[in-house]
Amino acid sequence: MKHYHTRVAQLAEILDTYQYPLPFSEHLKQYFRTNKKAGSKDRREIRSLAYTFFRIANAVENKTLENIAEIAAKYLDYEGDSIDFIYETEGIQADSIFTFNDYLSESFKNEEFQLSFLTQPAVWIKIKPGKENEVIAELKEQDIAFNTHSSQVLSFENEAKLTDLQGFKHGNFRIQDLSSQSVSSSFKASAGENWWDSCAGSGGKSMALLEEQPDIHLYASDIRESILNNLHERFRIAGLKNTNIFAADVTQQIINQHLPEFDGIIIDAPCTGSGTWARNPENLQYFDPETIKTYQERQLAILENVFPFLKTGKPLIYITCSVFKMENEDVISKFAENHEFKIEEQKYLEGYKQSAENMFLCRMIKTE
């Protein structure tokens, strides 16, 4: 890496002023706004060194900033596989990249999962049915390289500027991780049903649900008004109708919302996000595992509050982007202590095997 010593000094300054849990990407934006002399190449090198620092820091035995930065720079220049780099480099251990192994589900207790944090996952898009040719034509016109997963699912290197494309602005495709796209196969909605996406967020699950079965009436809620404003706009651009968007804190008892009984409920639960940390590796350094219990309590509260609105014999789909057992299998087990349901499907989506994020899904059928 050219200008190595300058980059290390800049990294030290950036880390010294960083305040977790602010997303590190936002901190970098603030840094570059303050240091306007940094050109595009400078920003790219600083960003690469900083994120690689986070990716390998736990695995490095000598944890001085200078030593970790030196190994990070060598990794950036290395042309072989990550596993070869680990075994060829003294003072670094693969099994220490992810240090929260005591909390992991068994599905992720392997070397491949550890090594997945050394690489940024791909960016994935889902193309609106009927818009495949139009989207691909624009990508080729703009000389944006992509990999084809299926006719409607493509992946890209992380730096692809997809949000500038007309296809994105017109709702012809959405940016959505592969695992997040895949959970929609477990919805199985039927025409005429009422469904509730109770923690809708940016609306990816809602949009997938309506694409698969447009003849339902969808309710979508979130506690954050700003998110709901964005959701209204996303639905409008995508031409999605039959929706009722409203604000609700589903961690509390739900009153005065005049909700019907639902034929299906989706809980994309707030969680640690540990299944996405290959995209946000600062969490490998700063996350406090004591907060897992707090998330579990919140997840159980959401289940408790929305479950009464589900019709007997109908599905609730519980989803997280966490790899921690306490947020997934343990939540389902604890909820089963006082509620009657049968588990129709329970699985992890091991996105790390496909350059994607990791998720947990449980489809339960209410029997009480």
Protein backbone atom coordinates (compact mmCIF):
# COMPACT_ATOMS: atom_id res chain seq x y z
CA MET A 1 0.00 0.00 0.00
CA LYS A 2 1.39 3.38 -1.02
CA HIS A 3 1.46 6.12 1.61
CA TYR A 4 1.23 3.39 4.24
CA HIS A 5 2.42 5.47 7.22
CA THR A 6 0.05 8.31 6.30
CA ARG A 7 -2.84 5.85 6.10
CA VAL A 8 -2.03 4.37 9.52
CA ALA A 9 -1.94 7.86 11.05
CA GLN A 10 -5.31 8.62 9.47
CA LEU A 11 -6.70 5.31 10.73
CA ALA A 12 -5.55 6.12 14.28
CA GLU A 13 -7.32 9.48 14.10
CA ILE A 14 -10.51 7.89 12.77
CA LEU A 15 -10.57 5.20 15.45
CA ASP A 16 -9.81 7.69 18.21
CA THR A 17 -12.91 9.74 17.37
CA TYR A 18 -15.26 6.85 16.62
CA GLN A 19 -18.19 6.36 19.01
CA TYR A 20 -19.94 2.99 18.78
CA PRO A 21 -22.77 2.10 18.08
CA LEU A 22 -22.83 4.76 15.37
CA PRO A 23 -22.43 2.83 12.11
CA PHE A 24 -18.79 3.12 11.13
CA SER A 25 -19.83 4.03 7.58
CA GLU A 26 -21.50 7.17 8.97
CA HIS A 27 -18.41 8.01 11.00
CA LEU A 28 -16.28 7.77 7.84
CA LYS A 29 -18.65 10.10 5.99
CA GLN A 30 -18.28 12.63 8.79
CA TYR A 31 -14.50 12.25 8.70
CA PHE A 32 -14.34 12.81 4.94
CA ARG A 33 -16.63 15.84 5.17
CA THR A 34 -14.18 17.34 7.68
CA ASN A 35 -11.09 16.29 5.70
CA LYS A 36 -12.10 17.47 2.25
CA LYS A 37 -8.59 17.20 0.83
CA ALA A 38 -8.92 13.43 0.63
CA GLY A 39 -9.58 12.47 -3.00
CA SER A 40 -11.58 9.48 -4.18
CA LYS A 41 -8.50 7.23 -4.21
CA ASP A 42 -7.51 8.40 -0.73
CA ARG A 43 -11.02 7.72 0.60
CA ARG A 44 -11.04 4.27 -0.98
CA GLU A 45 -7.69 3.33 0.58
CA ILE A 46 -8.62 4.68 4.01
CA ARG A 47 -11.96 2.88 3.92
CA SER A 48 -10.38 -0.41 2.85
CA LEU A 49 -7.70 -0.27 5.53
CA ALA A 50 -10.19 0.64 8.27
CA TYR A 51 -12.67 -2.13 7.46
CA THR A 52 -9.90 -4.71 7.07
CA PHE A 53 -8.53 -3.59 10.43
CA PHE A 54 -11.86 -4.51 12.02
CA ARG A 55 -12.06 -7.80 10.12
CA ILE A 56 -8.76 -9.18 11.36
CA ALA A 57 -8.15 -7.38 14.68
CA ASN A 58 -9.53 -10.13 16.92
CA ALA A 59 -7.43 -12.77 15.18
CA VAL A 60 -4.14 -10.91 15.61
CA GLU A 61 -2.17 -11.89 18.71
CA ASN A 62 -0.19 -8.65 19.06
CA LYS A 63 -3.03 -6.15 19.28
CA THR A 64 -1.20 -2.86 18.88
CA LEU A 65 -2.76 -0.61 16.25
CA GLU A 66 0.45 -0.55 14.25
CA ASN A 67 0.72 -4.35 14.12
CA ILE A 68 -2.94 -4.91 13.19
CA ALA A 69 -2.72 -2.19 10.53
CA GLU A 70 0.44 -3.76 9.09
CA ILE A 71 -1.25 -7.16 8.76
CA ALA A 72 -4.39 -5.52 7.34
CA ALA A 73 -2.32 -3.77 4.68
CA LYS A 74 -0.60 -7.05 3.78
CA TYR A 75 -3.98 -8.74 3.48
CA LEU A 76 -5.22 -6.03 1.11
CA ASP A 77 -2.19 -6.64 -1.11
CA TYR A 78 -2.46 -10.43 -0.89
CA GLU A 79 -3.64 -12.10 -4.10
CA GLY A 80 -4.45 -15.59 -2.77
CA ASP A 81 -7.35 -17.00 -0.75
CA SER A 82 -8.06 -15.71 2.74
CA ILE A 83 -7.45 -19.12 4.30
CA ASP A 84 -3.96 -19.23 2.75
CA PHE A 85 -3.19 -15.77 4.10
CA ILE A 86 -4.22 -16.81 7.61
CA TYR A 87 -2.02 -19.90 7.60
CA GLU A 88 0.93 -18.15 5.95
CA THR A 89 0.93 -15.19 8.37
CA GLU A 90 2.49 -15.48 11.81
CA GLY A 91 0.58 -14.20 14.82
CA ILE A 92 -2.94 -14.60 13.49
CA GLN A 93 -5.54 -17.28 14.34
CA ALA A 94 -8.61 -18.05 12.19
CA ASP A 95 -10.72 -19.30 15.10
CA SER A 96 -10.48 -15.89 16.80
CA ILE A 97 -11.91 -13.71 14.03
CA PHE A 98 -15.41 -13.97 15.53
CA THR A 99 -15.04 -14.00 19.32
CA PHE A 100 -18.63 -14.55 20.40
CA ASN A 101 -18.55 -18.29 19.78
CA ASP A 102 -20.17 -19.16 23.13
CA TYR A 103 -23.39 -17.55 21.90
CA LEU A 104 -23.39 -19.02 18.39
CA SER A 105 -25.90 -21.50 17.08
CA GLU A 106 -24.28 -24.82 16.20
CA SER A 107 -24.86 -24.12 12.49
CA PHE A 108 -22.08 -21.52 12.55
CA LYS A 109 -19.40 -23.15 14.66
CA ASN A 110 -16.99 -23.79 11.79
CA GLU A 111 -13.95 -22.29 10.13
CA GLU A 112 -15.78 -21.27 6.95
CA PHE A 113 -18.06 -18.99 8.99
CA GLN A 114 -15.05 -17.43 10.75
CA LEU A 115 -13.28 -16.75 7.47
CA SER A 116 -16.41 -15.21 5.92
CA PHE A 117 -15.79 -12.04 7.95
CA LEU A 118 -12.62 -11.35 5.99
CA THR A 119 -14.62 -10.54 2.86
CA GLN A 120 -17.37 -8.01 2.18
CA PRO A 121 -20.55 -9.84 1.01
CA ALA A 122 -21.94 -9.09 -2.43
CA VAL A 123 -24.69 -6.57 -3.09
CA TRP A 124 -27.87 -8.33 -4.25
CA ILE A 125 -30.89 -7.08 -6.15
CA LYS A 126 -34.33 -8.48 -6.91
CA ILE A 127 -35.78 -7.41 -10.27
CA LYS A 128 -39.48 -6.70 -10.54
CA PRO A 129 -41.22 -9.38 -12.66
CA GLY A 130 -41.42 -8.25 -16.26
CA LYS A 131 -38.57 -5.73 -15.91
CA GLU A 132 -35.67 -8.17 -16.35
CA ASN A 133 -34.63 -7.12 -19.86
CA GLU A 134 -34.94 -3.42 -19.08
CA VAL A 135 -32.79 -3.64 -15.94
CA ILE A 136 -30.10 -5.79 -17.55
CA ALA A 137 -29.95 -3.50 -20.59
CA GLU A 138 -29.30 -0.48 -18.35
CA LEU A 139 -26.63 -2.34 -16.39
CA LYS A 140 -24.81 -3.20 -19.61
CA GLU A 141 -25.23 0.33 -20.93
CA GLN A 142 -23.64 1.70 -17.74
CA ASP A 143 -20.90 -0.95 -17.90
CA ILE A 144 -21.78 -2.34 -14.46
CA ALA A 145 -20.56 -5.91 -14.05
CA PHE A 146 -22.90 -8.41 -12.39
CA ASN A 147 -23.34 -12.10 -11.65
CA THR A 148 -26.60 -13.85 -12.46
CA HIS A 149 -28.16 -15.97 -9.70
CA SER A 150 -31.51 -16.30 -11.50
CA SER A 151 -33.46 -14.27 -14.05
CA GLN A 152 -34.58 -11.84 -11.31
CA VAL A 153 -31.68 -12.07 -8.84
CA LEU A 154 -28.27 -10.52 -9.54
CA SER A 155 -25.21 -9.82 -7.43
CA PHE A 156 -22.55 -7.11 -7.64
CA GLU A 157 -19.29 -6.00 -6.14
CA ASN A 158 -19.99 -3.75 -3.18
CA GLU A 159 -18.96 -0.52 -4.90
CA ALA A 160 -21.53 -0.70 -7.73
CA LYS A 161 -23.54 2.56 -7.75
CA LEU A 162 -26.93 0.98 -8.21
CA THR A 163 -28.99 3.73 -6.59
CA ASP A 164 -28.05 6.12 -9.41
CA LEU A 165 -29.73 3.92 -12.02
CA GLN A 166 -33.11 4.81 -13.49
CA GLY A 167 -34.27 1.26 -12.90
CA PHE A 168 -33.78 1.73 -9.16
CA LYS A 169 -35.47 5.14 -9.11
CA HIS A 170 -38.49 3.76 -10.99
CA GLY A 171 -38.84 0.70 -8.77
CA ASN A 172 -37.79 -1.82 -11.43
CA PHE A 173 -35.50 -3.49 -8.91
CA ARG A 174 -34.77 -3.27 -5.20
CA ILE A 175 -31.52 -3.79 -3.33
CA GLN A 176 -32.12 -6.74 -1.02
CA ASP A 177 -29.75 -9.36 0.29
CA LEU A 178 -30.13 -12.88 -1.10
CA SER A 179 -31.10 -14.40 2.26
CA SER A 180 -33.70 -11.70 2.84
CA GLN A 181 -35.16 -12.47 -0.58
CA SER A 182 -35.21 -16.19 0.17
CA VAL A 183 -37.43 -15.99 3.27
CA SER A 184 -40.44 -15.06 1.12
CA SER A 185 -40.75 -18.71 0.03
CA SER A 186 -41.97 -19.44 3.56
CA PHE A 187 -44.84 -16.92 3.50
CA LYS A 188 -47.30 -18.92 1.35
CA ALA A 189 -50.10 -16.35 1.35
CA SER A 190 -53.40 -16.93 -0.45
CA ALA A 191 -55.60 -14.44 -2.31
CA GLY A 192 -58.05 -12.51 -0.17
CA GLU A 193 -56.11 -12.95 3.09
CA ASN A 194 -55.13 -10.27 5.62
CA TRP A 195 -51.41 -10.21 6.44
CA TRP A 196 -49.43 -8.08 8.87
CA ASP A 197 -45.74 -7.21 8.55
CA SER A 198 -45.40 -6.06 12.15
CA CYS A 199 -41.77 -4.81 12.08
CA ALA A 200 -41.75 -3.66 8.47
CA GLY A 201 -38.60 -1.55 8.46
CA SER A 202 -37.65 -0.66 4.90
CA GLY A 203 -40.39 -2.93 3.59
CA GLY A 204 -38.37 -5.60 1.81
CA LYS A 205 -40.44 -8.47 3.24
CA SER A 206 -43.71 -6.65 2.52
CA MET A 207 -42.72 -6.05 -1.09
CA ALA A 208 -41.70 -9.67 -1.54
CA LEU A 209 -45.00 -10.82 -0.05
CA LEU A 210 -47.05 -8.61 -2.38
CA GLU A 211 -45.02 -9.68 -5.40
CA GLU A 212 -45.73 -13.34 -4.67
CA GLN A 213 -49.40 -12.76 -3.85
CA PRO A 214 -50.69 -9.30 -4.86
CA ASP A 215 -54.32 -10.15 -4.01
CA ILE A 216 -53.95 -9.86 -0.24
CA HIS A 217 -54.63 -6.94 2.06
CA LEU A 218 -51.35 -6.00 3.73
CA TYR A 219 -50.91 -4.17 7.00
CA ALA A 220 -47.38 -2.87 7.64
CA SER A 221 -46.21 -1.23 10.86
CA ASP A 222 -43.06 0.14 12.43
CA ILE A 223 -42.28 2.27 15.46
CA ARG A 224 -40.27 4.79 13.39
CA GLU A 225 -42.27 7.47 11.54
CA SER A 226 -39.36 8.25 9.18
CA ILE A 227 -39.23 4.61 8.12
CA LEU A 228 -42.97 4.62 7.42
CA ASN A 229 -42.62 7.71 5.21
CA ASN A 230 -39.98 5.90 3.17
CA LEU A 231 -42.19 2.82 3.04
CA HIS A 232 -45.11 4.82 1.62
CA GLU A 233 -42.80 6.13 -1.11
CA ARG A 234 -41.33 2.69 -1.90
CA PHE A 235 -44.79 1.18 -2.24
CA ARG A 236 -45.91 4.07 -4.45
CA ILE A 237 -42.93 3.76 -6.80
CA ALA A 238 -43.35 -0.02 -6.98
CA GLY A 239 -47.06 0.36 -7.75
CA LEU A 240 -48.10 -1.76 -4.75
CA LYS A 241 -51.66 -1.34 -3.52
CA ASN A 242 -54.00 -2.85 -0.91
CA THR A 243 -51.76 -1.69 1.93
CA ASN A 244 -52.42 -0.13 5.31
CA ILE A 245 -49.30 1.45 6.82
CA PHE A 246 -49.39 2.59 10.43
CA ALA A 247 -47.13 3.38 13.39
CA ALA A 248 -47.03 0.90 16.25
CA ASP A 249 -44.65 -0.07 19.01
CA VAL A 250 -45.21 -3.82 19.03
CA THR A 251 -42.96 -4.26 22.06
CA GLN A 252 -45.93 -2.82 23.99
CA GLN A 253 -49.54 -3.99 24.25
CA ILE A 254 -51.35 -3.00 21.06
CA ILE A 255 -54.48 -0.93 21.63
CA ASN A 256 -56.69 1.42 19.58
CA GLN A 257 -55.38 0.16 16.22
CA HIS A 258 -58.65 -1.52 15.16
CA LEU A 259 -56.78 -4.44 13.66
CA PRO A 260 -58.51 -7.51 12.26
CA GLU A 261 -57.54 -11.10 12.93
CA PHE A 262 -54.79 -12.01 10.50
CA ASP A 263 -54.26 -14.94 8.18
CA GLY A 264 -50.52 -14.45 8.48
CA ILE A 265 -48.08 -12.35 10.52
CA ILE A 266 -44.44 -11.60 9.79
CA ILE A 267 -42.09 -10.58 12.61
CA ASP A 268 -38.76 -9.42 11.20
CA ALA A 269 -37.58 -8.90 14.75
CA PRO A 270 -35.12 -6.28 15.97
CA CYS A 271 -31.92 -8.14 16.82
CA THR A 272 -28.17 -7.84 17.22
CA GLY A 273 -27.75 -8.11 13.45
CA SER A 274 -24.86 -10.50 14.02
CA GLY A 275 -25.67 -12.32 10.79
CA THR A 276 -24.79 -9.15 8.87
CA TRP A 277 -21.51 -8.25 10.55
CA ALA A 278 -19.42 -9.17 7.53
CA ARG A 279 -20.90 -5.95 6.11
CA ASN A 280 -20.43 -4.05 9.38
CA PRO A 281 -17.24 -5.52 10.90
CA GLU A 282 -16.87 -2.78 13.52
CA ASN A 283 -19.28 -4.88 15.57
CA LEU A 284 -16.61 -7.58 15.85
CA GLN A 285 -14.63 -5.12 17.95
CA TYR A 286 -17.20 -3.18 19.92
CA PHE A 287 -20.28 -5.35 20.45
CA ASP A 288 -21.22 -6.09 24.06
CA PRO A 289 -22.74 -9.60 24.34
CA GLU A 290 -24.63 -8.51 27.45
CA THR A 291 -27.09 -6.81 25.09
CA ILE A 292 -28.20 -10.16 23.61
CA LYS A 293 -30.44 -10.72 26.62
CA THR A 294 -32.06 -7.31 26.09
CA TYR A 295 -32.82 -8.20 22.48
CA GLN A 296 -34.27 -11.54 23.53
CA GLU A 297 -36.64 -9.84 25.97
CA ARG A 298 -37.76 -7.45 23.24
CA GLN A 299 -38.31 -10.31 20.77
CA LEU A 300 -40.41 -12.27 23.26
CA ALA A 301 -42.47 -9.14 24.00
CA ILE A 302 -43.20 -8.69 20.28
CA LEU A 303 -44.29 -12.30 19.91
CA GLU A 304 -46.50 -11.95 22.99
CA ASN A 305 -48.17 -8.80 21.68
CA VAL A 306 -48.85 -9.80 18.07
CA PHE A 307 -49.76 -13.47 18.56
CA PRO A 308 -53.33 -12.72 19.77
CA PHE A 309 -54.09 -11.12 16.39
CA LEU A 310 -53.29 -14.34 14.50
CA LYS A 311 -56.14 -16.67 13.53
CA THR A 312 -55.97 -20.24 14.79
CA GLY A 313 -54.50 -22.53 12.16
CA LYS A 314 -52.60 -19.69 10.47
CA PRO A 315 -48.85 -18.97 10.25
CA LEU A 316 -46.56 -16.58 12.06
CA ILE A 317 -43.13 -16.24 10.50
CA TYR A 318 -40.44 -15.15 12.95
CA ILE A 319 -37.24 -13.85 11.32
CA THR A 320 -33.95 -12.44 12.57
CA CYS A 321 -30.61 -11.61 10.98
CA SER A 322 -28.80 -13.00 14.01
CA VAL A 323 -26.58 -16.06 14.42
CA PHE A 324 -27.02 -16.14 18.20
CA LYS A 325 -29.00 -19.03 19.65
CA MET A 326 -30.50 -16.83 22.37
CA GLU A 327 -32.29 -14.73 19.75
CA ASN A 328 -33.51 -17.65 17.69
CA GLU A 329 -34.01 -21.22 18.93
CA ASP A 330 -34.14 -20.06 22.56
CA VAL A 331 -36.77 -17.42 21.80
CA ILE A 332 -38.99 -20.01 20.12
CA SER A 333 -38.51 -22.45 23.02
CA LYS A 334 -39.34 -19.82 25.63
CA PHE A 335 -42.41 -18.67 23.71
CA ALA A 336 -43.63 -22.26 23.47
CA GLU A 337 -43.76 -22.50 27.26
CA ASN A 338 -46.97 -20.45 27.38
CA HIS A 339 -48.41 -20.63 23.85
CA GLU A 340 -49.79 -23.36 21.65
CA PHE A 341 -48.32 -23.70 18.18
CA LYS A 342 -46.59 -26.22 16.00
CA ILE A 343 -43.35 -25.53 14.18
CA GLU A 344 -43.83 -26.15 10.49
CA GLU A 345 -40.37 -24.96 9.45
CA GLN A 346 -37.31 -23.78 11.38
CA LYS A 347 -33.96 -23.14 9.74
CA TYR A 348 -30.93 -20.93 9.31
CA LEU A 349 -30.17 -19.32 5.98
CA GLU A 350 -26.39 -19.71 5.88
CA GLY A 351 -25.69 -16.77 3.63
CA TYR A 352 -21.95 -16.82 4.33
CA LYS A 353 -21.73 -19.75 1.90
CA GLN A 354 -23.07 -17.54 -0.94
CA SER A 355 -21.52 -14.14 -0.18
CA ALA A 356 -24.73 -13.06 1.55
CA GLU A 357 -26.06 -12.41 5.05
CA ASN A 358 -27.11 -15.02 7.62
CA MET A 359 -30.70 -15.29 8.88
CA PHE A 360 -32.96 -17.39 11.07
CA LEU A 361 -36.56 -18.28 10.20
CA CYS A 362 -39.29 -20.10 12.09
CA ARG A 363 -42.73 -20.64 10.55
CA MET A 364 -45.15 -21.60 13.31
CA ILE A 365 -48.85 -22.47 13.06
CA LYS A 366 -51.14 -21.29 15.85
CA THR A 367 -53.06 -24.21 17.35
CA GLU A 368 -54.72 -22.76 20.46
